[in-house]
């Protein structure tokens, strides 16, 4: 949890290392896998980044205009002082940039999805990708992939369809994109529709629901004309058309003449995600098919870099929204180790997880983790992020991390964890740990007393545990 370098007697708060770095994992090595090569004909990263810059030029232009004209303290700031894109702001941007209001709003939405603009509550600010846009090809490609991942938000879905039907199509589209990538050329829409219907049938079968009749878009044993069918059982062709148009709008494919073809950027992005899935499928834990909780338990046995690779692959295999929901649910459980690892996985998610993380700030068990996540997301150095926590929040986090170590680590690791406390002395630490009211306080203190080699300190810790237990 902390450095092994000897320190003075004062206890200091340091940024906890991910619990995946527990000593028992030190000797666990994954065989090195040769760096994969993209499919033949894939442009070089610099060329791909140039394509992404060209496709996002309008979004970058609007984001830079907003940075210059609407930043806090500037004369052009909106009346609320938060640089939000109001109707008046859109008109002003359109006049300044020679665009229509609709174009400005479309570019603004694209900038948000690509991480060029980050929205925090009611305020917006330039994203780090915007700052690095001209000099960092990897930042550009990550921004485009973020937009690609959010394709279903880029265009409004057609009216008259149940949310469940739309969600099924979104969940099935990775298989459609994989087929386009493997085809390496134009594919007729009718063929893609057949594939989509098959995948939706599989999804419904997994949930023990009624499957579609092939080629009809209607469920087997569908009700007769006198019985209205639910909207979720409507033909899939309109939703496929919407999905292909949305993917075309973000530059992932071209769509027209009854055919769809991946662009070089789309082909590369699909290959990257397939490669991530293959990496996870080859891992010892096989985390790709696991629930968030089981995936996190598997990653607890891995070194930090290997765990992050697992997070990326697991995320690549499912919609971002549902993945974030699963991770938050795992963090709410009783296992403190999974709580810490869930927020490590949410760091890999990045900006799309920000609204969900912000929504749990008021939950006591998640608040310290959420505040640290938000601070790092806002650009605070990870080594300094702990400064956003109050004394009580830092103490709560110390106890929660100690609970994870007590449950999953080794005794020396728990003893070293003392160095990460914010309190300068052990008696002060014990007083504040007792006051903070963490539900695992007694177990943590008992485990620390049993592990600590100093008899006097162990006795004081046992006494504190007994007082917490008896309410004294």
Protein backbone atom coordinates (compact mmCIF):
# COMPACT_ATOMS: atom_id res chain seq x y z
CA UNK A 1 0.00 0.00 0.00
CA UNK A 2 2.89 2.39 0.71
CA UNK A 3 6.58 2.63 0.10
CA UNK A 4 8.92 0.28 1.93
CA UNK A 5 11.41 3.13 2.39
CA UNK A 6 11.87 3.83 6.13
CA UNK A 7 10.18 7.03 7.27
CA UNK A 8 10.17 9.09 10.44
CA UNK A 9 7.65 8.41 13.20
CA UNK A 10 5.01 10.77 11.83
CA UNK A 11 2.29 9.11 9.83
CA UNK A 12 1.63 10.58 6.41
CA UNK A 13 -1.16 10.26 3.90
CA UNK A 14 0.13 8.97 0.58
CA UNK A 15 -1.84 7.96 -2.47
CA UNK A 16 -2.75 4.27 -1.98
CA UNK A 17 -1.43 1.97 -4.66
CA UNK A 18 -4.03 -0.27 -6.32
CA UNK A 19 -4.64 -3.34 -4.23
CA UNK A 20 -3.91 -5.42 -7.31
CA UNK A 21 -0.28 -4.74 -6.44
CA UNK A 22 -0.42 -6.90 -3.31
CA UNK A 23 2.84 -8.76 -2.64
CA UNK A 24 1.31 -12.15 -3.31
CA UNK A 25 0.97 -11.14 -6.95
CA UNK A 26 4.62 -10.15 -7.35
CA UNK A 27 5.76 -13.54 -8.58
CA UNK A 28 2.75 -13.99 -10.82
CA UNK A 29 3.85 -13.29 -14.38
CA UNK A 30 1.81 -13.35 -17.53
CA UNK A 31 3.60 -14.59 -20.61
CA UNK A 32 4.56 -11.77 -22.90
CA UNK A 33 2.44 -11.61 -26.01
CA UNK A 34 3.99 -10.18 -29.17
CA UNK A 35 2.66 -6.75 -30.04
CA UNK A 36 -0.24 -7.36 -32.43
CA UNK A 37 -0.12 -5.91 -35.90
CA UNK A 38 -3.19 -4.27 -37.42
CA UNK A 39 -4.67 -5.75 -40.60
CA UNK A 40 -2.68 -5.28 -43.77
CA UNK A 41 -3.46 -1.97 -45.39
CA UNK A 42 -4.28 -0.17 -42.15
CA UNK A 43 -2.83 3.37 -42.32
CA UNK A 44 -0.08 4.35 -39.90
CA UNK A 45 -1.15 5.96 -36.60
CA UNK A 46 -0.07 9.41 -37.77
CA UNK A 47 -2.25 9.06 -40.88
CA UNK A 48 -5.19 7.79 -38.82
CA UNK A 49 -4.77 10.74 -36.47
CA UNK A 50 -4.84 13.07 -39.48
CA UNK A 51 -8.15 11.53 -40.56
CA UNK A 52 -9.54 11.98 -37.06
CA UNK A 53 -8.40 15.61 -36.96
CA UNK A 54 -10.11 16.23 -40.28
CA UNK A 55 -13.34 14.59 -39.16
CA UNK A 56 -13.41 16.48 -35.87
CA UNK A 57 -12.21 19.83 -37.19
CA UNK A 58 -15.62 21.45 -36.65
CA UNK A 59 -15.88 20.18 -33.10
CA UNK A 60 -12.35 21.40 -32.32
CA UNK A 61 -13.16 24.80 -33.79
CA UNK A 62 -16.27 25.23 -31.63
CA UNK A 63 -14.47 23.93 -28.52
CA UNK A 64 -11.62 26.40 -29.01
CA UNK A 65 -14.08 29.21 -29.59
CA UNK A 66 -15.82 28.33 -26.33
CA UNK A 67 -12.48 28.18 -24.51
CA UNK A 68 -11.58 31.66 -25.73
CA UNK A 69 -14.95 33.38 -25.54
CA UNK A 70 -16.65 31.75 -22.59
CA UNK A 71 -13.94 31.02 -20.06
CA UNK A 72 -14.64 32.22 -16.51
CA UNK A 73 -13.58 35.83 -15.97
CA UNK A 74 -13.72 36.79 -19.64
CA UNK A 75 -16.04 39.46 -20.97
CA UNK A 76 -17.81 36.90 -23.11
CA UNK A 77 -18.85 34.65 -20.23
CA UNK A 78 -22.50 33.77 -20.01
CA UNK A 79 -24.70 35.33 -17.38
CA UNK A 80 -24.41 32.32 -15.11
CA UNK A 81 -20.60 32.48 -15.28
CA UNK A 82 -20.35 28.80 -16.11
CA UNK A 83 -19.67 28.89 -19.87
CA UNK A 84 -22.68 26.75 -20.71
CA UNK A 85 -23.95 26.60 -24.28
CA UNK A 86 -27.22 28.51 -24.06
CA UNK A 87 -29.35 29.55 -27.03
CA UNK A 88 -27.73 32.99 -26.97
CA UNK A 89 -24.28 31.42 -26.86
CA UNK A 90 -25.09 29.21 -29.84
CA UNK A 91 -26.22 32.24 -31.83
CA UNK A 92 -23.08 34.14 -30.88
CA UNK A 93 -20.84 31.22 -31.85
CA UNK A 94 -22.67 30.86 -35.16
CA UNK A 95 -22.10 34.53 -35.92
CA UNK A 96 -18.43 34.43 -34.93
CA UNK A 97 -17.65 31.19 -36.79
CA UNK A 98 -19.85 31.64 -39.85
CA UNK A 99 -22.01 28.61 -39.01
CA UNK A 100 -25.68 27.98 -38.37
CA UNK A 101 -27.02 27.46 -34.87
CA UNK A 102 -27.69 23.80 -35.71
CA UNK A 103 -24.11 23.30 -36.89
CA UNK A 104 -22.75 24.86 -33.71
CA UNK A 105 -24.89 22.62 -31.52
CA UNK A 106 -23.93 19.53 -33.52
CA UNK A 107 -20.22 20.34 -33.25
CA UNK A 108 -20.64 21.09 -29.53
CA UNK A 109 -22.27 17.71 -28.93
CA UNK A 110 -19.48 16.01 -30.90
CA UNK A 111 -16.86 17.87 -28.84
CA UNK A 112 -18.46 16.62 -25.65
CA UNK A 113 -18.60 13.02 -26.84
CA UNK A 114 -14.97 13.14 -27.98
CA UNK A 115 -13.74 14.61 -24.69
CA UNK A 116 -12.72 17.92 -26.26
CA UNK A 117 -15.12 19.60 -23.88
CA UNK A 118 -15.82 18.18 -20.44
CA UNK A 119 -19.06 19.01 -18.69
CA UNK A 120 -19.01 19.04 -14.89
CA UNK A 121 -22.46 19.59 -13.45
CA UNK A 122 -23.70 22.87 -14.94
CA UNK A 123 -20.31 24.04 -16.18
CA UNK A 124 -18.09 23.12 -19.11
CA UNK A 125 -14.35 23.37 -19.56
CA UNK A 126 -11.78 22.39 -22.19
CA UNK A 127 -10.78 18.74 -22.05
CA UNK A 128 -7.14 17.68 -21.89
CA UNK A 129 -7.44 16.29 -25.42
CA UNK A 130 -8.15 19.77 -26.75
CA UNK A 131 -4.91 21.03 -25.18
CA UNK A 132 -2.94 18.16 -26.73
CA UNK A 133 -4.81 18.08 -30.04
CA UNK A 134 -2.12 19.50 -32.32
CA UNK A 135 0.86 17.67 -30.84
CA UNK A 136 -0.35 14.27 -29.58
CA UNK A 137 -1.61 11.75 -32.13
CA UNK A 138 -2.56 9.27 -29.40
CA UNK A 139 -4.78 11.88 -27.71
CA UNK A 140 -6.49 12.51 -31.05
CA UNK A 141 -7.10 8.81 -31.65
CA UNK A 142 -8.39 8.30 -28.11
CA UNK A 143 -10.77 11.21 -28.62
CA UNK A 144 -12.06 9.71 -31.86
CA UNK A 145 -12.49 6.28 -30.25
CA UNK A 146 -14.48 7.92 -27.44
CA UNK A 147 -16.77 9.37 -30.10
CA UNK A 148 -16.95 5.99 -31.83
CA UNK A 149 -17.93 4.33 -28.55
CA UNK A 150 -20.71 6.90 -28.13
CA UNK A 151 -22.15 6.46 -31.63
CA UNK A 152 -25.64 5.73 -30.28
CA UNK A 153 -25.70 9.22 -28.73
CA UNK A 154 -24.49 10.99 -31.87
CA UNK A 155 -27.86 10.79 -33.64
CA UNK A 156 -31.34 10.67 -32.11
CA UNK A 157 -32.96 7.28 -32.41
CA UNK A 158 -36.12 6.98 -34.54
CA UNK A 159 -39.44 7.66 -32.84
CA UNK A 160 -41.87 4.91 -32.01
CA UNK A 161 -39.43 2.29 -30.73
CA UNK A 162 -39.31 0.95 -27.22
CA UNK A 163 -36.07 1.65 -25.33
CA UNK A 164 -35.57 -2.11 -24.90
CA UNK A 165 -35.53 -2.61 -28.67
CA UNK A 166 -33.04 0.20 -29.12
CA UNK A 167 -30.84 -1.25 -26.37
CA UNK A 168 -30.89 -4.65 -28.08
CA UNK A 169 -29.68 -3.13 -31.34
CA UNK A 170 -26.93 -1.19 -29.57
CA UNK A 171 -25.83 -4.39 -27.83
CA UNK A 172 -25.86 -6.32 -31.11
CA UNK A 173 -23.97 -3.78 -33.23
CA UNK A 174 -20.46 -4.90 -32.14
CA UNK A 175 -21.09 -8.18 -33.95
CA UNK A 176 -22.29 -6.29 -37.03
CA UNK A 177 -19.17 -4.11 -36.96
CA UNK A 178 -16.95 -7.16 -36.53
CA UNK A 179 -18.56 -8.71 -39.61
CA UNK A 180 -17.93 -5.51 -41.58
CA UNK A 181 -14.31 -5.53 -40.43
CA UNK A 182 -13.78 -9.14 -41.45
CA UNK A 183 -15.50 -8.57 -44.80
CA UNK A 184 -12.94 -5.88 -45.69
CA UNK A 185 -15.29 -4.28 -48.19
CA UNK A 186 -18.87 -3.22 -48.92
CA UNK A 187 -21.57 -5.40 -47.38
CA UNK A 188 -25.24 -5.30 -48.47
CA UNK A 189 -27.58 -3.95 -45.84
CA UNK A 190 -29.83 -7.02 -46.25
CA UNK A 191 -26.96 -9.21 -45.09
CA UNK A 192 -26.32 -6.96 -42.11
CA UNK A 193 -30.03 -7.07 -41.24
CA UNK A 194 -29.97 -10.87 -41.20
CA UNK A 195 -26.95 -10.80 -38.89
CA UNK A 196 -28.60 -8.23 -36.62
CA UNK A 197 -31.76 -10.35 -36.37
CA UNK A 198 -29.70 -13.41 -35.46
CA UNK A 199 -27.84 -11.54 -32.74
CA UNK A 200 -31.03 -10.05 -31.29
CA UNK A 201 -32.50 -13.55 -31.25
CA UNK A 202 -29.46 -14.74 -29.28
CA UNK A 203 -29.81 -11.88 -26.81
CA UNK A 204 -33.47 -12.67 -26.24
CA UNK A 205 -32.79 -16.38 -25.94
CA UNK A 206 -30.20 -15.66 -23.26
CA UNK A 207 -32.96 -13.86 -21.35
CA UNK A 208 -35.44 -16.67 -22.10
CA UNK A 209 -37.52 -14.37 -24.27
CA UNK A 210 -39.31 -15.11 -27.55
CA UNK A 211 -37.11 -15.14 -30.65
CA UNK A 212 -37.74 -13.50 -34.02
CA UNK A 213 -39.00 -15.43 -37.01
CA UNK A 214 -36.17 -15.28 -39.59
CA UNK A 215 -36.55 -12.44 -42.05
CA UNK A 216 -39.82 -11.09 -40.63
CA UNK A 217 -38.78 -9.08 -37.63
CA UNK A 218 -41.73 -10.70 -35.85
CA UNK A 219 -41.48 -13.13 -32.92
CA UNK A 220 -42.22 -16.80 -33.38
CA UNK A 221 -45.89 -17.40 -32.75
CA UNK A 222 -46.56 -13.69 -33.12
CA UNK A 223 -50.07 -12.43 -32.36
CA UNK A 224 -52.49 -12.11 -35.23
CA UNK A 225 -53.56 -8.85 -36.86
CA UNK A 226 -56.20 -8.30 -34.23
CA UNK A 227 -53.61 -8.45 -31.46
CA UNK A 228 -51.27 -5.44 -31.42
CA UNK A 229 -47.62 -6.48 -31.13
CA UNK A 230 -45.42 -4.61 -28.69
CA UNK A 231 -43.12 -1.98 -30.14
CA UNK A 232 -40.07 -4.03 -29.13
CA UNK A 233 -41.13 -6.68 -31.66
CA UNK A 234 -41.27 -4.23 -34.58
CA UNK A 235 -39.04 -4.87 -37.62
CA UNK A 236 -35.39 -4.13 -37.05
CA UNK A 237 -34.71 -2.49 -40.42
CA UNK A 238 -35.46 1.08 -39.20
CA UNK A 239 -33.20 0.61 -36.18
CA UNK A 240 -30.40 -0.81 -38.33
CA UNK A 241 -30.77 2.19 -40.65
CA UNK A 242 -30.48 4.49 -37.62
CA UNK A 243 -27.42 2.65 -36.31
CA UNK A 244 -25.63 2.78 -39.66
CA UNK A 245 -26.42 6.47 -40.12
CA UNK A 246 -25.18 7.23 -36.60
CA UNK A 247 -21.94 5.32 -37.22
CA UNK A 248 -21.53 7.13 -40.52
CA UNK A 249 -22.02 10.48 -38.76
CA UNK A 250 -19.03 9.80 -36.49
CA UNK A 251 -16.87 8.68 -39.42
CA UNK A 252 -16.79 4.95 -38.67
CA UNK A 253 -18.33 3.83 -41.95
CA UNK A 254 -19.85 4.96 -45.23
CA UNK A 255 -23.48 4.14 -45.85
CA UNK A 256 -25.40 4.47 -49.09
CA UNK A 257 -26.66 2.61 -52.11
CA UNK A 258 -27.86 -0.27 -49.94
CA UNK A 259 -24.32 -1.01 -48.71
CA UNK A 260 -22.09 -0.18 -45.74
CA UNK A 261 -18.29 -0.08 -45.64
CA UNK A 262 -15.98 0.64 -42.72
CA UNK A 263 -13.73 3.66 -43.12
CA UNK A 264 -10.01 3.23 -42.33
CA UNK A 265 -10.67 4.76 -38.91
CA UNK A 266 -13.64 2.48 -38.28
CA UNK A 267 -11.73 -0.57 -39.46
CA UNK A 268 -8.84 0.26 -37.13
CA UNK A 269 -11.12 0.95 -34.14
CA UNK A 270 -13.00 -2.34 -34.55
CA UNK A 271 -9.69 -4.21 -34.85
CA UNK A 272 -8.42 -2.55 -31.64
CA UNK A 273 -11.51 -3.62 -29.73
CA UNK A 274 -11.39 -7.15 -31.10
CA UNK A 275 -7.76 -7.33 -30.06
CA UNK A 276 -8.66 -6.20 -26.55
CA UNK A 277 -11.27 -8.92 -26.34
CA UNK A 278 -8.77 -11.52 -27.55
CA UNK A 279 -6.29 -10.43 -24.87
CA UNK A 280 -8.93 -10.91 -22.18
CA UNK A 281 -10.02 -14.25 -23.61
CA UNK A 282 -6.42 -15.47 -23.38
CA UNK A 283 -5.98 -14.32 -19.79
CA UNK A 284 -5.79 -16.92 -17.02
CA UNK A 285 -8.92 -15.56 -15.35
CA UNK A 286 -10.99 -15.41 -18.54
CA UNK A 287 -12.61 -12.18 -17.37
CA UNK A 288 -14.26 -11.23 -20.63
CA UNK A 289 -17.46 -13.20 -19.90
CA UNK A 290 -17.61 -12.46 -16.19
CA UNK A 291 -19.82 -10.07 -14.26
CA UNK A 292 -18.18 -6.90 -12.99
CA UNK A 293 -17.76 -8.38 -9.51
CA UNK A 294 -16.19 -11.61 -10.75
CA UNK A 295 -14.00 -9.70 -13.20
CA UNK A 296 -12.70 -7.49 -10.39
CA UNK A 297 -11.98 -10.51 -8.21
CA UNK A 298 -9.98 -12.01 -11.06
CA UNK A 299 -8.07 -8.77 -11.56
CA UNK A 300 -7.17 -8.66 -7.86
CA UNK A 301 -4.65 -11.41 -8.62
CA UNK A 302 -2.93 -9.41 -11.38
CA UNK A 303 -0.27 -6.72 -11.45
CA UNK A 304 -1.64 -3.17 -12.02
CA UNK A 305 -0.76 -2.96 -15.73
CA UNK A 306 -2.22 -6.39 -16.43
CA UNK A 307 -5.35 -5.48 -14.46
CA UNK A 308 -5.82 -2.31 -16.51
CA UNK A 309 -5.55 -4.36 -19.70
CA UNK A 310 -8.30 -6.63 -18.36
CA UNK A 311 -10.49 -3.63 -17.53
CA UNK A 312 -10.08 -2.28 -21.06
CA UNK A 313 -10.95 -5.60 -22.66
CA UNK A 314 -13.93 -6.17 -20.37
CA UNK A 315 -15.22 -2.67 -21.16
CA UNK A 316 -14.70 -3.17 -24.88
CA UNK A 317 -17.02 -6.16 -24.86
CA UNK A 318 -20.10 -4.34 -23.53
CA UNK A 319 -21.89 -0.97 -23.77
CA UNK A 320 -20.21 1.70 -21.67
CA UNK A 321 -23.39 2.69 -19.80
CA UNK A 322 -24.22 -0.80 -18.56
CA UNK A 323 -20.56 -1.48 -17.73
CA UNK A 324 -20.35 1.62 -15.55
CA UNK A 325 -23.60 0.66 -13.82
CA UNK A 326 -22.18 -2.79 -13.06
CA UNK A 327 -18.96 -1.34 -11.68
CA UNK A 328 -20.81 1.10 -9.42
CA UNK A 329 -22.98 -1.76 -8.14
CA UNK A 330 -19.85 -3.81 -7.38
CA UNK A 331 -18.38 -0.84 -5.51
CA UNK A 332 -21.47 -0.69 -3.30
CA UNK A 333 -20.89 -4.23 -2.05
CA UNK A 334 -19.34 -5.28 1.24
CA UNK A 335 -15.89 -6.11 -0.15
CA UNK A 336 -13.62 -3.09 0.20
CA UNK A 337 -11.11 -4.59 -2.23
CA UNK A 338 -13.73 -4.63 -4.99
CA UNK A 339 -14.65 -1.05 -4.13
CA UNK A 340 -11.13 0.16 -4.78
CA UNK A 341 -10.72 -1.94 -7.91
CA UNK A 342 -14.08 -0.79 -9.28
CA UNK A 343 -12.89 2.81 -9.20
CA UNK A 344 -9.61 1.78 -10.83
CA UNK A 345 -11.71 0.31 -13.65
CA UNK A 346 -13.78 3.50 -13.78
CA UNK A 347 -10.55 5.43 -14.29
CA UNK A 348 -10.05 3.37 -17.44
CA UNK A 349 -13.59 4.31 -18.56
CA UNK A 350 -12.76 8.00 -18.21
CA UNK A 351 -15.15 10.81 -19.10
CA UNK A 352 -18.23 8.67 -19.91
CA UNK A 353 -18.30 7.54 -16.27
CA UNK A 354 -18.26 11.07 -14.85
CA UNK A 355 -22.05 11.53 -14.39
CA UNK A 356 -22.39 8.17 -12.62
CA UNK A 357 -19.41 8.82 -10.36
CA UNK A 358 -20.73 12.28 -9.52
CA UNK A 359 -24.10 10.76 -8.64
CA UNK A 360 -22.61 8.65 -5.81
CA UNK A 361 -20.69 11.46 -4.11
CA UNK A 362 -23.31 11.62 -1.34
CA UNK A 363 -23.03 7.90 -0.51
CA UNK A 364 -20.68 7.67 2.52
CA UNK A 365 -19.01 4.41 1.49
CA UNK A 366 -18.26 5.66 -2.03
CA UNK A 367 -17.70 9.36 -1.40
CA UNK A 368 -13.89 9.31 -0.85
CA UNK A 369 -13.35 7.14 -3.91
CA UNK A 370 -15.66 9.31 -6.01
CA UNK A 371 -14.01 12.56 -4.89
CA UNK A 372 -10.55 11.22 -5.74
CA UNK A 373 -11.80 10.00 -9.12
CA UNK A 374 -13.37 13.37 -9.91
CA UNK A 375 -10.26 15.26 -8.82
CA UNK A 376 -8.04 13.20 -11.09
CA UNK A 377 -10.60 13.52 -13.89
CA UNK A 378 -10.45 17.30 -13.46
CA UNK A 379 -6.70 17.22 -13.99
CA UNK A 380 -5.40 17.18 -10.42
CA UNK A 381 -2.12 15.30 -10.09
CA UNK A 382 -2.89 11.85 -8.67
CA UNK A 383 -0.26 12.39 -5.98
CA UNK A 384 -2.13 15.51 -4.82
CA UNK A 385 -5.71 14.30 -5.31
CA UNK A 386 -6.02 13.29 -1.64
CA UNK A 387 -6.11 16.98 -0.74
CA UNK A 388 -9.75 17.16 -1.85
CA UNK A 389 -10.72 14.88 1.06
CA UNK A 390 -11.67 16.16 4.49
CA UNK A 391 -9.98 14.64 7.51
CA UNK A 392 -12.99 12.37 8.17
CA UNK A 393 -13.16 11.27 4.53
CA UNK A 394 -9.45 10.46 4.49
CA UNK A 395 -9.87 8.47 7.70
CA UNK A 396 -12.84 6.58 6.29
CA UNK A 397 -10.81 5.72 3.20
CA UNK A 398 -7.90 4.58 5.40
CA UNK A 399 -10.18 2.19 7.31
CA UNK A 400 -11.83 0.93 4.11
CA UNK A 401 -8.45 0.24 2.52
CA UNK A 402 -7.25 -1.42 5.71
CA UNK A 403 -10.33 -3.67 5.57
CA UNK A 404 -9.37 -4.69 2.05
CA UNK A 405 -5.82 -5.45 3.16
CA UNK A 406 -7.05 -7.40 6.18
CA UNK A 407 -9.34 -9.50 3.98
CA UNK A 408 -7.03 -10.06 1.02
CA UNK A 409 -3.49 -8.99 1.90
CA UNK A 410 -0.77 -10.05 4.32
CA UNK A 411 -0.01 -8.95 7.87
CA UNK A 412 3.15 -6.93 7.01
CA UNK A 413 1.16 -5.04 4.39
CA UNK A 414 -1.42 -4.05 7.01
CA UNK A 415 1.34 -2.83 9.32
CA UNK A 416 2.86 -0.73 6.50
CA UNK A 417 -0.59 0.72 5.84
CA UNK A 418 -0.17 2.74 9.05
CA UNK A 419 2.17 5.06 7.14
CA UNK A 420 -0.65 6.17 4.84
CA UNK A 421 -2.79 7.63 7.64
CA UNK A 422 -3.33 11.38 7.78
CA UNK A 423 -2.97 11.50 11.58
CA UNK A 424 0.51 12.29 12.96
CA UNK A 425 0.36 9.82 15.87
CA UNK A 426 -1.16 6.42 16.49
CA UNK A 427 -3.30 7.58 19.46
CA UNK A 428 -4.76 10.36 17.32
CA UNK A 429 -5.36 7.90 14.51
CA UNK A 430 -7.20 5.54 16.86
CA UNK A 431 -9.37 8.37 18.23
CA UNK A 432 -10.40 9.50 14.75
CA UNK A 433 -10.89 5.96 13.44
CA UNK A 434 -13.27 5.31 16.33
CA UNK A 435 -15.14 8.56 15.62
CA UNK A 436 -15.55 8.06 11.87
CA UNK A 437 -17.95 5.14 12.30
CA UNK A 438 -16.79 2.79 9.56
CA UNK A 439 -18.68 -0.53 9.86
CA UNK A 440 -15.43 -2.52 9.64
CA UNK A 441 -13.59 -0.56 12.33
CA UNK A 442 -13.52 -3.35 14.92
CA UNK A 443 -12.31 -5.99 12.46
CA UNK A 444 -9.62 -3.66 11.11
CA UNK A 445 -8.31 -2.78 14.57
CA UNK A 446 -8.29 -6.41 15.70
CA UNK A 447 -6.39 -7.45 12.57
CA UNK A 448 -3.91 -4.59 13.01
CA UNK A 449 -3.32 -5.49 16.65
CA UNK A 450 -2.69 -9.11 15.72
CA UNK A 451 -0.26 -8.12 12.95
CA UNK A 452 1.78 -5.38 14.63
CA UNK A 453 5.07 -6.51 16.18
CA UNK A 454 5.14 -3.73 18.82
CA UNK A 455 3.39 -5.14 21.94
CA UNK A 456 2.56 -1.72 23.37
CA UNK A 457 1.04 -0.46 20.15
CA UNK A 458 -0.82 -3.73 19.64
CA UNK A 459 -2.27 -3.43 23.13
CA UNK A 460 -3.47 0.12 22.47
CA UNK A 461 -5.09 -0.96 19.22
CA UNK A 462 -6.82 -3.91 20.91
CA UNK A 463 -8.13 -1.58 23.61
CA UNK A 464 -9.52 0.76 20.94
CA UNK A 465 -11.18 -2.19 19.18
CA UNK A 466 -12.79 -3.30 22.45
CA UNK A 467 -14.06 0.25 23.13
CA UNK A 468 -15.61 0.48 19.65
CA UNK A 469 -17.19 -2.95 20.11
CA UNK A 470 -18.70 -2.10 23.49
CA UNK A 471 -19.62 1.46 22.50
CA UNK A 472 -17.25 2.95 25.03
